[in-house]
Amino acid sequence: MAEKKTAGSTKSKPAKSVNKDAQPKKTHSKSVAHGNKRKVLFVGSEAFPFAGTGGLGEVLGSLPRAINNSDDYEARVILPLYGSFPENRRKDLEFVCWTFVELSWRHQYCGLFRIKEGNTVFYFIDNEYYFKRSGLYGHGDDGERFAFFCRAVLELLPRLDFMPDVLHCNDWQTALVPIYYKLFYMYRDGYGGIKTVFTIHNIEYQGWYNRSIIEDVFGIPDREYGSLEHFGEINLMKAAIDYSDAVSTVSPTYAKEIMTMEYSHGLDGDLVRNAHKLRGILNGIDTDTYNPQTNPALYAHYNVTDKRGKAINKAGLQKQLWLPVRQDVPVIAMITRLASHKGLDIVKAALPELLSRDVQVIVLGTGDWEYEQYFTHMQEAYDGKMRALIEFNKDLSHKIYAGADMFLMPSRSEPCGLSQMMACRYGTIPIVRETGGLKDSIVDAYNGDFGNGYKFERYAADDLLNALNRAIGLYSHYHDKWEGLVDRAMRTDFGWNNSAKEYVKFYNELLG
């Protein structure tokens, strides 16, 4: 059992230092400060700026804030209190209460803290045994860790002074929330009428487990195995799709794609059966963080009406990476996880021909050893034209977004994608394959008179090269058209307000 923590401290205190009798009483009353607003509690395993590894953290750090700008809803977020919680923010944590959570035969301590970030309240579930570790994921007992988290969320609902109308769960780590709710909580006093939404951010990661742990780890009677079973094993995402009142995913095209064998990773039949409750809503980006007018990482600031700073950023990036400083040569960039589904096999096939032209190519990212070695080799072979930065470097990524001319995303699959939106924000033209959110967010420029990027449909190196040729041709020979394309890309509205409005409609339909 993990010891209890006081707010803002990493040190532990004995149980007797906390007055359990002084905990808030169970309540389902409305918050006076927020009138009769409907309440949404986002449940997730990460949320920026407190914990994050990628797109999920971006979403849960931004979408609730945008929903809180609406007149009818208040959104809050609950997530684990990881050991990596920012040290400079621990003093701001406010202790709420502590209790014990039953998980099968386990009797585990659970602390609850909260913090206000902008217009949004974030709750944190504390248990050092489960969450004070290096890294958010990848532990052998992740199933047990997140089962505890899901059970703790439901146990603590009456103590939040925020009984939600909607529990909005995200990815397999929170899949047990709608399952536990339907099995154990929906008929409890004060718990009735809550609707559950499950969002699929990436269908590849589903939470597969052997049947043998259903009772011992998840605390679910074996008689319920049939509702969790998929191809002879427990599949938490599959069960959450069935148990939830509504299912969403992160772009309209991805919602269609995951109902096919090619993209579903085995869940197409279940999603087709639940198609009536599936909705695809395109993610957004934090336009304050990704703002070329204010971003402190840039060499110079600029905006859509005065883009002179973009050339300064390009020159600064070329100098930093020891590339020839030339404005007439297009800089083509990739910031990506080095994995095959990101389209790197067709990039590998196309790169020698691309580098035979008057271009510069920059790749930033880490991942599969095969691709790390390949791009490092290509840098050595094409010194002065190619740079491979095998690292995770947030500061450098901002400089690349601002300093490059084109941004390449040839993904085999991409649920939503945020990088193409960030690139547009900086006036760097995306070149993307038509899949998932890439298809929904980018409009092809064709002859350069409209659109905000370039797209290709077939997953093949020659189609990728054709899209690159169109972009390079416009850049090299039609300066005015290129500037118009950059202007349209920068003016594309990828802020969260549009997504928030769609989610509010979604909740209204769900709640009636």
Protein backbone atom coordinates (compact mmCIF):
# COMPACT_ATOMS: atom_id res chain seq x y z
CA MET A 1 0.00 0.00 0.00
CA ALA A 2 1.34 3.43 -0.95
CA GLU A 3 1.57 5.95 1.84
CA LYS A 4 -0.47 9.12 1.78
CA LYS A 5 0.89 12.37 0.44
CA THR A 6 0.15 15.88 1.54
CA ALA A 7 -0.63 18.43 -1.13
CA GLY A 8 2.40 19.91 -2.79
CA SER A 9 4.89 17.50 -1.28
CA THR A 10 6.59 14.34 -2.41
CA LYS A 11 7.01 13.18 1.17
CA SER A 12 4.65 10.72 2.81
CA LYS A 13 2.83 10.99 6.11
CA PRO A 14 1.13 8.33 8.19
CA ALA A 15 -2.58 7.80 7.87
CA LYS A 16 -3.33 9.37 11.23
CA SER A 17 -2.26 12.79 9.93
CA VAL A 18 -5.40 12.96 7.80
CA ASN A 19 -8.83 13.36 9.33
CA LYS A 20 -10.91 10.98 7.25
CA ASP A 21 -14.10 12.11 9.01
CA ALA A 22 -13.55 15.57 7.59
CA GLN A 23 -13.87 14.38 3.99
CA PRO A 24 -16.62 15.89 1.86
CA LYS A 25 -19.93 14.09 2.11
CA LYS A 26 -21.34 12.29 -0.89
CA THR A 27 -23.39 14.67 -2.96
CA HIS A 28 -25.02 14.92 -6.34
CA SER A 29 -25.86 18.59 -6.02
CA LYS A 30 -25.12 21.16 -8.69
CA SER A 31 -22.25 23.58 -8.20
CA VAL A 32 -23.61 26.93 -7.13
CA ALA A 33 -20.81 28.75 -8.90
CA HIS A 34 -21.72 27.17 -12.22
CA GLY A 35 -25.52 27.21 -12.01
CA ASN A 36 -27.23 24.47 -13.94
CA LYS A 37 -24.46 23.73 -16.41
CA ARG A 38 -24.21 20.12 -17.47
CA LYS A 39 -21.04 18.45 -16.26
CA VAL A 40 -18.49 16.39 -18.19
CA LEU A 41 -15.64 14.57 -16.46
CA PHE A 42 -12.82 13.60 -18.82
CA VAL A 43 -11.06 10.44 -17.67
CA GLY A 44 -7.62 9.89 -19.15
CA SER A 45 -4.15 8.52 -18.52
CA GLU A 46 -2.44 11.78 -19.50
CA ALA A 47 -3.13 15.49 -19.97
CA PHE A 48 -0.77 18.38 -20.69
CA PRO A 49 0.83 20.19 -18.98
CA PHE A 50 0.91 17.63 -16.16
CA ALA A 51 1.59 14.37 -18.00
CA GLY A 52 1.84 13.60 -21.67
CA THR A 53 3.43 11.46 -24.33
CA GLY A 54 1.55 12.59 -27.44
CA GLY A 55 -1.83 13.37 -28.97
CA LEU A 56 -3.95 12.11 -26.07
CA GLY A 57 -2.21 14.49 -23.67
CA GLU A 58 -2.72 17.37 -26.12
CA VAL A 59 -6.44 16.60 -26.38
CA LEU A 60 -7.12 16.33 -22.66
CA GLY A 61 -5.09 19.45 -22.00
CA SER A 62 -7.03 21.55 -24.52
CA LEU A 63 -10.51 20.17 -25.30
CA PRO A 64 -11.93 20.54 -21.75
CA ARG A 65 -10.70 24.13 -21.68
CA ALA A 66 -12.53 24.86 -24.95
CA ILE A 67 -15.73 23.19 -23.69
CA ASN A 68 -15.55 25.41 -20.60
CA ASN A 69 -15.93 28.41 -22.89
CA SER A 70 -19.45 27.19 -23.78
CA ASP A 71 -22.55 28.44 -21.98
CA ASP A 72 -24.04 25.05 -21.18
CA TYR A 73 -21.22 22.73 -20.06
CA GLU A 74 -18.48 22.59 -17.48
CA ALA A 75 -15.67 20.09 -18.07
CA ARG A 76 -13.07 18.76 -15.64
CA VAL A 77 -10.32 16.16 -15.99
CA ILE A 78 -9.18 13.27 -13.78
CA LEU A 79 -5.91 11.38 -14.25
CA PRO A 80 -3.25 9.55 -12.21
CA LEU A 81 -0.77 11.49 -10.08
CA TYR A 82 2.45 10.26 -11.67
CA GLY A 83 5.88 10.56 -10.12
CA SER A 84 6.78 12.77 -13.12
CA PHE A 85 4.23 15.43 -12.09
CA PRO A 86 6.03 18.79 -12.57
CA GLU A 87 7.96 19.53 -9.38
CA ASN A 88 7.33 23.27 -9.62
CA ARG A 89 3.56 22.66 -9.54
CA ARG A 90 3.38 20.33 -6.53
CA LYS A 91 2.92 23.26 -4.19
CA ASP A 92 -0.29 24.12 -6.06
CA LEU A 93 -1.89 20.72 -5.46
CA GLU A 94 -4.87 20.93 -3.13
CA PHE A 95 -5.65 17.85 -1.04
CA VAL A 96 -9.31 16.78 -1.30
CA CYS A 97 -9.62 13.46 0.52
CA TRP A 98 -8.36 9.91 0.85
CA THR A 99 -10.03 6.55 0.95
CA PHE A 100 -9.42 2.88 0.18
CA VAL A 101 -10.33 1.25 -3.13
CA GLU A 102 -11.26 -2.41 -3.43
CA LEU A 103 -9.84 -4.16 -6.49
CA SER A 104 -10.56 -7.88 -6.33
CA TRP A 105 -8.82 -8.99 -3.10
CA ARG A 106 -6.76 -5.79 -2.91
CA HIS A 107 -7.46 -3.00 -0.42
CA GLN A 108 -5.48 -0.05 -1.79
CA TYR A 109 -4.95 3.47 -0.51
CA CYS A 110 -6.23 6.19 -2.83
CA GLY A 111 -5.61 9.91 -2.41
CA LEU A 112 -7.36 12.68 -4.33
CA PHE A 113 -5.80 16.05 -5.19
CA ARG A 114 -6.91 18.88 -7.45
CA ILE A 115 -5.43 21.88 -9.20
CA LYS A 116 -6.87 24.73 -11.27
CA GLU A 117 -5.22 25.32 -14.63
CA GLY A 118 -6.73 28.28 -16.46
CA ASN A 119 -10.49 27.72 -16.55
CA THR A 120 -10.26 23.96 -15.91
CA VAL A 121 -10.07 21.86 -12.75
CA PHE A 122 -7.81 18.80 -12.89
CA TYR A 123 -8.11 15.97 -10.35
CA PHE A 124 -5.28 13.55 -9.58
CA ILE A 125 -5.57 10.05 -8.15
CA ASP A 126 -2.64 9.23 -5.90
CA ASN A 127 -1.19 5.81 -5.22
CA GLU A 128 2.59 5.67 -5.21
CA TYR A 129 2.77 1.90 -5.68
CA TYR A 130 1.00 2.17 -9.03
CA PHE A 131 2.01 5.61 -10.31
CA LYS A 132 5.32 6.71 -8.80
CA ARG A 133 7.40 5.05 -11.52
CA SER A 134 9.53 6.01 -14.47
CA GLY A 135 7.37 6.48 -17.54
CA LEU A 136 3.60 6.49 -17.83
CA TYR A 137 3.24 3.15 -19.62
CA GLY A 138 5.10 0.00 -20.48
CA HIS A 139 5.04 -1.72 -17.09
CA GLY A 140 4.21 -5.41 -16.71
CA ASP A 141 1.25 -4.66 -14.47
CA ASP A 142 -0.32 -1.87 -16.57
CA GLY A 143 -3.60 -3.81 -16.59
CA GLU A 144 -3.75 -3.74 -12.80
CA ARG A 145 -2.52 -0.14 -12.58
CA PHE A 146 -5.24 1.23 -14.81
CA ALA A 147 -7.91 -1.09 -13.39
CA PHE A 148 -7.17 0.54 -10.03
CA PHE A 149 -7.36 3.97 -11.64
CA CYS A 150 -10.75 3.22 -13.26
CA ARG A 151 -12.20 1.80 -10.06
CA ALA A 152 -10.85 4.76 -8.08
CA VAL A 153 -12.48 7.25 -10.46
CA LEU A 154 -15.90 5.72 -9.85
CA GLU A 155 -15.39 5.37 -6.09
CA LEU A 156 -14.40 9.03 -5.81
CA LEU A 157 -17.19 10.55 -7.90
CA PRO A 158 -19.34 11.53 -4.88
CA ARG A 159 -16.36 13.29 -3.30
CA LEU A 160 -15.57 15.60 -6.22
CA ASP A 161 -18.48 18.00 -5.60
CA PHE A 162 -18.90 17.48 -9.33
CA MET A 163 -21.17 14.55 -10.12
CA PRO A 164 -20.93 14.35 -13.91
CA ASP A 165 -23.73 13.98 -16.41
CA VAL A 166 -21.15 12.49 -18.81
CA LEU A 167 -18.09 10.38 -18.07
CA HIS A 168 -15.88 10.87 -21.12
CA CYS A 169 -13.25 8.09 -21.21
CA ASN A 170 -10.22 7.94 -23.48
CA ASP A 171 -8.37 4.92 -24.90
CA TRP A 172 -7.92 1.47 -23.40
CA GLN A 173 -6.42 2.70 -20.11
CA THR A 174 -9.87 4.04 -19.15
CA ALA A 175 -11.95 1.34 -20.85
CA LEU A 176 -12.91 -0.26 -17.53
CA VAL A 177 -14.79 2.87 -16.40
CA PRO A 178 -17.92 2.23 -18.55
CA ILE A 179 -17.59 -1.50 -17.82
CA TYR A 180 -17.38 -1.07 -14.05
CA TYR A 181 -20.12 1.57 -14.14
CA LYS A 182 -22.61 -0.72 -15.86
CA LEU A 183 -21.65 -3.77 -13.78
CA PHE A 184 -21.31 -2.28 -10.31
CA TYR A 185 -22.29 1.41 -9.99
CA MET A 186 -25.21 2.53 -12.13
CA TYR A 187 -27.82 1.37 -9.60
CA ARG A 188 -26.03 2.78 -6.56
CA ASP A 189 -27.62 5.69 -4.77
CA GLY A 190 -26.47 8.95 -6.39
CA TYR A 191 -24.91 7.30 -9.44
CA GLY A 192 -27.97 7.00 -11.67
CA GLY A 193 -28.33 8.64 -15.04
CA ILE A 194 -24.65 9.10 -15.90
CA LYS A 195 -23.89 8.63 -19.60
CA THR A 196 -20.56 7.18 -20.71
CA VAL A 197 -18.59 8.17 -23.81
CA PHE A 198 -15.54 6.24 -24.97
CA THR A 199 -13.11 7.91 -27.38
CA ILE A 200 -10.74 5.85 -29.53
CA HIS A 201 -7.57 7.85 -30.10
CA ASN A 202 -5.65 4.96 -31.64
CA ILE A 203 -7.38 1.64 -32.26
CA GLU A 204 -4.07 -0.22 -32.49
CA TYR A 205 -3.73 -0.28 -28.69
CA GLN A 206 -6.70 -2.19 -27.27
CA GLY A 207 -5.78 -3.67 -23.88
CA TRP A 208 -5.50 -7.42 -24.50
CA TYR A 209 -5.33 -9.76 -21.48
CA ASN A 210 -5.68 -13.43 -20.71
CA ARG A 211 -8.98 -14.67 -19.30
CA SER A 212 -7.22 -16.00 -16.20
CA ILE A 213 -6.92 -12.51 -14.67
CA ILE A 214 -10.53 -11.39 -15.06
CA GLU A 215 -11.36 -11.97 -11.39
CA ASP A 216 -7.93 -11.77 -9.76
CA VAL A 217 -6.82 -8.48 -11.40
CA PHE A 218 -9.93 -6.78 -12.75
CA GLY A 219 -12.33 -7.92 -10.03
CA ILE A 220 -14.98 -8.90 -12.58
CA PRO A 221 -16.89 -12.18 -12.11
CA ASP A 222 -15.89 -14.82 -14.63
CA ARG A 223 -19.55 -15.14 -15.69
CA GLU A 224 -19.11 -11.72 -17.40
CA TYR A 225 -16.20 -12.95 -19.52
CA GLY A 226 -18.36 -13.27 -22.63
CA SER A 227 -18.95 -9.52 -22.74
CA LEU A 228 -15.21 -8.81 -22.56
CA GLU A 229 -14.05 -11.63 -24.84
CA HIS A 230 -12.60 -11.09 -28.29
CA PHE A 231 -10.80 -13.85 -30.23
CA GLY A 232 -10.34 -15.90 -27.06
CA GLU A 233 -8.94 -13.16 -24.80
CA ILE A 234 -10.09 -10.16 -22.81
CA ASN A 235 -10.16 -7.05 -24.99
CA LEU A 236 -10.85 -3.95 -22.92
CA MET A 237 -11.41 -1.61 -25.86
CA LYS A 238 -13.90 -3.99 -27.45
CA ALA A 239 -15.81 -4.23 -24.17
CA ALA A 240 -15.80 -0.45 -23.70
CA ILE A 241 -17.28 0.00 -27.17
CA ASP A 242 -20.11 -2.34 -26.21
CA TYR A 243 -20.67 -1.01 -22.69
CA SER A 244 -20.48 2.75 -23.45
CA ASP A 245 -23.52 4.78 -24.35
CA ALA A 246 -21.62 6.51 -27.15
CA VAL A 247 -18.30 6.10 -28.94
CA SER A 248 -16.25 8.77 -30.65
CA THR A 249 -12.97 8.96 -32.47
CA VAL A 250 -10.69 11.74 -33.53
CA SER A 251 -11.70 12.42 -37.13
CA PRO A 252 -14.69 11.67 -39.39
CA THR A 253 -12.59 9.68 -41.88
CA TYR A 254 -11.00 7.56 -39.14
CA ALA A 255 -14.51 6.73 -37.86
CA LYS A 256 -15.25 5.22 -41.28
CA GLU A 257 -11.85 3.57 -41.66
CA ILE A 258 -11.98 1.68 -38.37
CA MET A 259 -15.13 -0.09 -39.51
CA THR A 260 -13.04 -1.83 -42.18
CA MET A 261 -10.67 -4.79 -41.82
CA GLU A 262 -7.73 -2.74 -43.12
CA TYR A 263 -7.73 -0.26 -40.25
CA SER A 264 -9.65 -1.86 -37.36
CA HIS A 265 -7.01 -4.23 -35.92
CA GLY A 266 -9.78 -6.81 -35.58
CA LEU A 267 -12.57 -4.59 -34.20
CA ASP A 268 -14.41 -3.86 -37.45
CA GLY A 269 -17.28 -6.22 -36.70
CA ASP A 270 -17.82 -4.76 -33.24
CA LEU A 271 -17.73 -1.20 -34.57
CA VAL A 272 -20.11 -1.96 -37.41
CA ARG A 273 -22.49 -3.46 -34.84
CA ASN A 274 -22.17 -0.25 -32.80
CA ALA A 275 -22.13 2.14 -35.76
CA HIS A 276 -25.30 3.85 -34.50
CA LYS A 277 -23.40 5.30 -31.56
CA LEU A 278 -20.08 6.07 -33.32
CA ARG A 279 -19.10 9.65 -34.19
CA GLY A 280 -15.91 11.07 -35.69
CA ILE A 281 -14.95 14.57 -34.50
CA LEU A 282 -11.75 16.19 -35.74
CA ASN A 283 -9.25 17.21 -33.05
CA GLY A 284 -7.76 20.67 -32.86
CA ILE A 285 -4.50 22.18 -31.60
CA ASP A 286 -3.58 24.67 -28.92
CA THR A 287 -3.23 27.81 -31.02
CA ASP A 288 -1.65 29.71 -28.12
CA THR A 289 1.23 27.26 -27.79
CA TYR A 290 1.69 26.91 -31.56
CA ASN A 291 1.70 30.59 -32.41
CA PRO A 292 4.49 32.00 -34.63
CA GLN A 293 3.76 35.47 -33.27
CA THR A 294 4.63 34.60 -29.66
CA ASN A 295 6.52 31.26 -29.56
CA PRO A 296 9.73 31.85 -27.57
CA ALA A 297 11.54 28.98 -29.34
CA LEU A 298 11.62 30.79 -32.69
CA TYR A 299 14.47 32.84 -34.12
CA ALA A 300 11.98 35.57 -35.11
CA HIS A 301 8.26 36.11 -34.72
CA TYR A 302 5.85 36.56 -37.61
CA ASN A 303 2.16 36.33 -38.52
CA VAL A 304 -0.04 35.91 -41.54
CA THR A 305 0.03 39.64 -42.40
CA ASP A 306 3.80 40.01 -41.92
CA LYS A 307 5.64 36.82 -42.80
CA ARG A 308 9.15 38.27 -43.04
CA GLY A 309 10.14 36.40 -39.88
CA LYS A 310 9.61 33.05 -41.60
CA ALA A 311 12.65 33.61 -43.82
CA ILE A 312 14.69 34.47 -40.71
CA ASN A 313 13.57 31.21 -39.10
CA LYS A 314 14.54 29.27 -42.20
CA ALA A 315 18.02 30.78 -42.25
CA GLY A 316 18.43 30.23 -38.51
CA LEU A 317 17.43 26.58 -38.84
CA GLN A 318 19.81 26.02 -41.75
CA LYS A 319 22.68 27.57 -39.79
CA GLN A 320 21.92 25.54 -36.67
CA LEU A 321 21.87 22.29 -38.66
CA TRP A 322 24.91 23.13 -40.80
CA LEU A 323 22.93 23.28 -44.02
CA PRO A 324 23.71 25.83 -46.76
CA VAL A 325 21.70 29.00 -46.11
CA ARG A 326 19.60 29.36 -49.27
CA GLN A 327 16.11 30.77 -49.52
CA ASP A 328 15.64 29.43 -53.06
CA VAL A 329 15.93 25.78 -51.95
CA PRO A 330 12.83 24.19 -50.38
CA VAL A 331 13.34 22.69 -46.93
CA ILE A 332 11.23 19.54 -46.50
CA ALA A 333 10.77 18.33 -42.93
CA MET A 334 9.43 15.36 -41.01
CA ILE A 335 8.85 15.32 -37.25
CA THR A 336 7.64 11.83 -36.48
CA ARG A 337 7.92 8.63 -34.56
CA LEU A 338 10.18 6.44 -36.69
CA ALA A 339 7.75 3.59 -37.28
CA SER A 340 6.52 1.92 -40.45
CA HIS A 341 2.86 3.01 -40.14
CA LYS A 342 4.08 6.63 -40.35
CA GLY A 343 4.86 5.95 -44.02
CA LEU A 344 8.59 5.58 -43.61
CA ASP A 345 8.82 2.59 -45.94
CA ILE A 346 7.62 4.69 -48.89
CA VAL A 347 9.77 7.61 -47.73
CA LYS A 348 12.74 5.23 -47.78
CA ALA A 349 11.87 4.20 -51.32
CA ALA A 350 11.43 7.80 -52.50
CA LEU A 351 14.26 9.54 -50.67
CA PRO A 352 17.20 8.86 -53.04
CA GLU A 353 15.29 10.35 -55.98
CA LEU A 354 14.10 13.29 -53.86
CA LEU A 355 17.63 14.06 -52.69
CA SER A 356 18.89 14.03 -56.29
CA ARG A 357 17.05 17.34 -56.66
CA ASP A 358 17.86 20.79 -55.32
CA VAL A 359 16.21 20.34 -51.91
CA GLN A 360 17.09 20.02 -48.24
CA VAL A 361 15.50 17.34 -46.03
CA ILE A 362 15.27 17.31 -42.22
CA VAL A 363 14.02 14.35 -40.16
CA LEU A 364 13.49 14.63 -36.38
CA GLY A 365 12.38 11.69 -34.25
CA THR A 366 13.18 8.38 -32.61
CA GLY A 367 11.77 4.90 -33.04
CA ASP A 368 12.62 1.68 -34.83
CA TRP A 369 16.35 0.96 -35.04
CA GLU A 370 16.04 0.16 -38.75
CA TYR A 371 14.82 3.68 -39.60
CA GLU A 372 17.17 5.42 -37.18
CA GLN A 373 20.09 3.74 -38.93
CA TYR A 374 18.75 4.39 -42.41
CA PHE A 375 18.24 8.14 -41.94
CA THR A 376 21.61 8.45 -40.22
CA HIS A 377 23.21 6.72 -43.23
CA MET A 378 21.40 9.04 -45.67
CA GLN A 379 22.68 12.06 -43.76
CA GLU A 380 26.24 10.80 -44.22
CA ALA A 381 25.64 10.05 -47.90
CA TYR A 382 24.00 13.42 -48.63
CA ASP A 383 25.86 15.76 -46.32
CA GLY A 384 24.75 19.33 -46.94
CA LYS A 385 21.30 18.20 -48.14
CA MET A 386 20.03 15.87 -45.43
CA ARG A 387 19.90 16.08 -41.63
CA ALA A 388 18.68 13.26 -39.36
CA LEU A 389 18.16 14.24 -35.73
CA ILE A 390 17.55 10.98 -33.85
CA GLU A 391 16.18 12.53 -30.69
CA PHE A 392 13.12 13.98 -28.99
CA ASN A 393 13.64 17.73 -28.93
CA LYS A 394 10.60 19.95 -28.35
CA ASP A 395 12.50 23.20 -28.82
CA LEU A 396 14.01 22.08 -32.11
CA SER A 397 10.61 20.82 -33.31
CA HIS A 398 9.18 24.34 -33.02
CA LYS A 399 12.15 25.72 -34.96
CA ILE A 400 11.57 23.13 -37.70
CA TYR A 401 7.85 23.88 -37.94
CA ALA A 402 8.69 27.56 -38.44
CA GLY A 403 11.83 27.19 -40.57
CA ALA A 404 10.79 24.50 -43.06
CA ASP A 405 8.86 25.17 -46.27
CA MET A 406 7.08 21.80 -46.51
CA PHE A 407 6.04 19.21 -43.95
CA LEU A 408 5.78 15.55 -44.94
CA MET A 409 3.21 13.15 -43.40
CA PRO A 410 2.77 10.11 -45.70
CA SER A 411 1.19 7.92 -43.02
CA ARG A 412 -0.26 4.50 -43.74
CA SER A 413 -2.81 5.31 -41.03
CA GLU A 414 -3.28 8.47 -38.95
CA PRO A 415 -6.30 8.71 -36.62
CA CYS A 416 -6.18 12.50 -36.60
CA GLY A 417 -2.68 13.89 -36.76
CA LEU A 418 -1.77 17.20 -35.17
CA SER A 419 1.52 17.94 -36.92
CA GLN A 420 -0.15 18.90 -40.20
CA MET A 421 -2.24 21.45 -38.27
CA MET A 422 0.81 22.80 -36.46
CA ALA A 423 2.66 23.06 -39.78
CA CYS A 424 -0.19 25.10 -41.28
CA ARG A 425 -0.13 27.39 -38.27
CA TYR A 426 3.53 28.18 -39.06
CA GLY A 427 2.98 28.55 -42.82
CA THR A 428 4.76 25.28 -43.62
CA ILE A 429 2.83 23.44 -46.31
CA PRO A 430 1.75 19.87 -45.41
CA ILE A 431 2.16 17.04 -47.91
CA VAL A 432 -0.01 14.20 -46.63
CA ARG A 433 -1.55 10.91 -47.59
CA GLU A 434 -5.36 10.83 -47.64
CA THR A 435 -6.08 8.89 -44.46
CA GLY A 436 -7.82 9.67 -41.18
CA GLY A 437 -7.56 13.24 -40.00
CA LEU A 438 -4.99 14.07 -42.68
CA LYS A 439 -7.72 13.70 -45.29
CA ASP A 440 -10.19 15.74 -43.21
CA SER A 441 -7.89 18.64 -42.39
CA ILE A 442 -5.94 19.25 -45.61
CA VAL A 443 -7.45 20.50 -48.88
CA ASP A 444 -5.33 19.89 -51.97
CA ALA A 445 -3.90 23.01 -53.62
CA TYR A 446 -3.99 21.53 -57.14
CA ASN A 447 -2.62 24.42 -59.28
CA GLY A 448 -1.98 26.56 -56.20
CA ASP A 449 -5.11 28.70 -56.39
CA PHE A 450 -6.84 27.16 -53.37
CA GLY A 451 -6.41 24.63 -50.56
CA ASN A 452 -3.85 24.51 -47.75
CA GLY A 453 -1.54 21.64 -48.75
CA TYR A 454 -0.99 18.64 -51.00
CA LYS A 455 -2.51 15.16 -50.77
CA PHE A 456 -1.99 11.80 -52.41
CA GLU A 457 -4.25 8.76 -52.10
CA ARG A 458 -2.39 5.58 -53.04
CA TYR A 459 0.15 4.34 -50.50
CA ALA A 460 3.10 4.23 -52.87
CA ALA A 461 6.47 5.97 -53.29
CA ASP A 462 5.69 7.24 -56.79
CA ASP A 463 2.46 8.92 -55.60
CA LEU A 464 4.39 10.49 -52.74
CA LEU A 465 6.99 11.79 -55.20
CA ASN A 466 4.27 13.17 -57.44
CA ALA A 467 2.82 15.19 -54.55
CA LEU A 468 6.31 16.43 -53.66
CA ASN A 469 6.95 17.39 -57.30
CA ARG A 470 3.79 19.47 -57.39
CA ALA A 471 4.78 21.31 -54.21
CA ILE A 472 8.40 21.84 -55.29
CA GLY A 473 7.25 23.07 -58.71
CA LEU A 474 4.94 25.68 -57.20
CA TYR A 475 7.62 26.78 -54.74
CA SER A 476 10.30 27.10 -57.40
CA HIS A 477 8.38 28.67 -60.29
CA TYR A 478 5.26 30.42 -58.97
CA HIS A 479 6.28 32.57 -56.03
CA ASP A 480 3.02 34.53 -55.79
CA LYS A 481 0.92 31.37 -55.82
CA TRP A 482 3.16 29.81 -53.19
CA GLU A 483 2.75 32.85 -50.96
CA GLY A 484 -1.02 32.62 -51.40
CA LEU A 485 -0.91 28.96 -50.40
CA VAL A 486 1.13 29.81 -47.29
CA ASP A 487 -1.37 32.55 -46.46
CA ARG A 488 -4.35 30.16 -46.70
CA ALA A 489 -2.57 27.52 -44.62
CA MET A 490 -1.87 30.02 -41.84
CA ARG A 491 -5.48 31.23 -41.87
CA THR A 492 -6.96 27.72 -41.53
CA ASP A 493 -8.76 27.54 -38.18
CA PHE A 494 -7.55 24.45 -36.33
CA GLY A 495 -8.38 25.78 -32.87
CA TRP A 496 -10.30 23.68 -30.37
CA ASN A 497 -13.47 25.78 -30.43
CA ASN A 498 -14.82 24.02 -33.52
CA SER A 499 -14.18 20.59 -31.98
CA ALA A 500 -15.71 21.71 -28.67
CA LYS A 501 -18.91 22.79 -30.44
CA GLU A 502 -19.16 19.38 -32.09
CA TYR A 503 -18.68 17.61 -28.75
CA VAL A 504 -21.33 19.81 -27.14
CA LYS A 505 -23.75 18.74 -29.89
CA PHE A 506 -22.71 15.13 -29.30
CA TYR A 507 -23.37 15.41 -25.55
CA ASN A 508 -26.72 17.13 -26.15
CA GLU A 509 -27.84 14.30 -28.41
CA LEU A 510 -26.69 11.76 -25.82
CA LEU A 511 -28.35 13.44 -22.85
CA GLY A 512 -31.53 14.47 -24.70
